[in-house]
Amino acid sequence: MRHISPIKTALAVGTVIGLWHLIWAILVGVGWAKPVMDFVLQLHFIKLDYELAPYAATTAGELVILTFAVGAAFGFVFAVVWNWLTLESAPAWATDSKRLGSSAPAAVGD
């Protein structure tokens, strides 16, 4: 298996999670968040009485930055663990060295 860059993976996962929350902040800002949440909750058979806090640009920025950072941390840890599990020297239980349905070890680079 190929190794992946922890930095690139951190940036990719952080960006995806941050963008998802940026979209949420935009929905709150334009007033569409409650109908979206009502729809999502209805799909999960949940009925709640709730209200959303008023939009605040500072809070929206903090949300996006924090979720980017948490996503980047998860992405970094994921890449480090992935690379460890694909090392030649990793423990036998941590590697997938056999092809499916074959007793022969997989060739390097498969």
Protein backbone atom coordinates (compact mmCIF):
# COMPACT_ATOMS: atom_id res chain seq x y z
CA MET A 1 0.00 0.00 0.00
CA ARG A 2 1.10 3.54 -0.61
CA HIS A 3 2.06 5.90 2.13
CA ILE A 4 0.16 9.15 2.39
CA SER A 5 1.43 12.55 3.41
CA PRO A 6 0.27 13.47 6.92
CA ILE A 7 0.41 17.19 6.07
CA LYS A 8 -1.60 16.86 2.86
CA THR A 9 -4.10 14.56 4.54
CA ALA A 10 -4.45 16.99 7.44
CA LEU A 11 -5.07 19.88 5.04
CA ALA A 12 -7.56 17.87 2.98
CA VAL A 13 -9.63 16.60 5.92
CA GLY A 14 -9.46 19.97 7.70
CA THR A 15 -10.61 21.76 4.56
CA VAL A 16 -13.55 19.41 3.97
CA ILE A 17 -14.74 19.66 7.59
CA GLY A 18 -14.15 23.42 7.66
CA LEU A 19 -16.07 23.95 4.40
CA TRP A 20 -18.96 21.86 5.70
CA HIS A 21 -19.22 24.16 8.71
CA LEU A 22 -18.77 27.27 6.57
CA ILE A 23 -21.83 26.14 4.61
CA TRP A 24 -23.69 25.72 7.90
CA ALA A 25 -22.67 29.23 9.02
CA ILE A 26 -23.90 30.63 5.69
CA LEU A 27 -27.22 28.80 6.11
CA VAL A 28 -27.59 30.34 9.57
CA GLY A 29 -26.68 33.77 8.21
CA VAL A 30 -29.27 33.72 5.41
CA GLY A 31 -31.96 32.17 7.62
CA TRP A 32 -32.16 28.75 5.94
CA ALA A 33 -30.61 26.69 8.73
CA LYS A 34 -33.82 25.96 10.65
CA PRO A 35 -35.71 24.52 7.65
CA VAL A 36 -32.67 22.38 6.81
CA MET A 37 -32.39 21.14 10.39
CA ASP A 38 -36.14 20.47 10.55
CA PHE A 39 -35.83 18.37 7.38
CA VAL A 40 -32.80 16.43 8.64
CA LEU A 41 -34.41 15.78 12.03
CA GLN A 42 -37.63 14.65 10.34
CA LEU A 43 -35.62 12.14 8.29
CA HIS A 44 -34.35 10.73 11.60
CA PHE A 45 -37.86 10.58 13.12
CA ILE A 46 -36.99 13.32 15.61
CA LYS A 47 -39.29 16.15 16.56
CA LEU A 48 -37.74 18.91 18.66
CA ASP A 49 -38.73 22.39 19.70
CA TYR A 50 -35.59 24.49 19.41
CA GLU A 51 -34.37 27.85 18.24
CA LEU A 52 -31.11 28.87 16.67
CA ALA A 53 -29.00 31.63 18.11
CA PRO A 54 -28.73 34.78 16.03
CA TYR A 55 -25.96 34.88 13.45
CA ALA A 56 -22.66 36.35 14.61
CA ALA A 57 -19.72 36.60 12.20
CA THR A 58 -17.20 36.12 15.01
CA THR A 59 -18.87 32.90 16.15
CA ALA A 60 -19.09 31.69 12.54
CA GLY A 61 -15.37 32.33 12.06
CA GLU A 62 -14.51 30.55 15.29
CA LEU A 63 -16.66 27.58 14.21
CA VAL A 64 -14.91 27.27 10.85
CA ILE A 65 -11.40 27.68 12.31
CA LEU A 66 -12.01 25.23 15.16
CA THR A 67 -13.55 22.58 12.91
CA PHE A 68 -10.71 22.99 10.39
CA ALA A 69 -8.18 22.46 13.20
CA VAL A 70 -9.97 19.40 14.58
CA GLY A 71 -10.36 17.94 11.09
CA ALA A 72 -6.68 18.58 10.37
CA ALA A 73 -5.69 16.84 13.59
CA PHE A 74 -7.82 13.82 12.70
CA GLY A 75 -6.40 13.78 9.17
CA PHE A 76 -2.83 13.95 10.46
CA VAL A 77 -3.37 11.14 12.97
CA PHE A 78 -5.13 9.05 10.32
CA ALA A 79 -2.20 9.42 7.90
CA VAL A 80 0.37 8.58 10.58
CA VAL A 81 -1.56 5.46 11.61
CA TRP A 82 -2.12 4.48 7.95
CA ASN A 83 1.59 4.82 7.22
CA TRP A 84 2.48 2.81 10.33
CA LEU A 85 0.08 0.03 9.33
CA THR A 86 1.58 -0.15 5.84
CA LEU A 87 5.22 -0.32 6.93
CA GLU A 88 7.20 -3.41 6.05
CA SER A 89 8.22 -3.64 9.70
CA ALA A 90 4.69 -3.32 11.06
CA PRO A 91 3.46 -6.22 13.18
CA ALA A 92 1.94 -9.10 11.20
CA TRP A 93 -1.53 -8.38 12.57
CA ALA A 94 -1.28 -4.79 11.30
CA THR A 95 -0.53 -5.56 7.66
CA ASP A 96 -2.54 -7.06 4.86
CA SER A 97 0.22 -9.01 3.17
CA LYS A 98 -1.88 -11.64 1.39
CA ARG A 99 -4.05 -11.23 -1.65
CA LEU A 100 -7.69 -12.08 -1.16
CA GLY A 101 -8.18 -15.78 -1.83
CA SER A 102 -4.45 -16.46 -2.21
CA SER A 103 -1.92 -17.99 0.10
CA ALA A 104 0.97 -16.17 -1.63
CA PRO A 105 2.13 -12.84 -0.22
CA ALA A 106 1.25 -9.75 -2.27
CA ALA A 107 3.98 -8.23 -4.39
CA VAL A 108 5.53 -5.00 -3.18
CA GLY A 109 3.57 -2.05 -4.58
CA ASP A 110 0.21 -3.85 -4.77
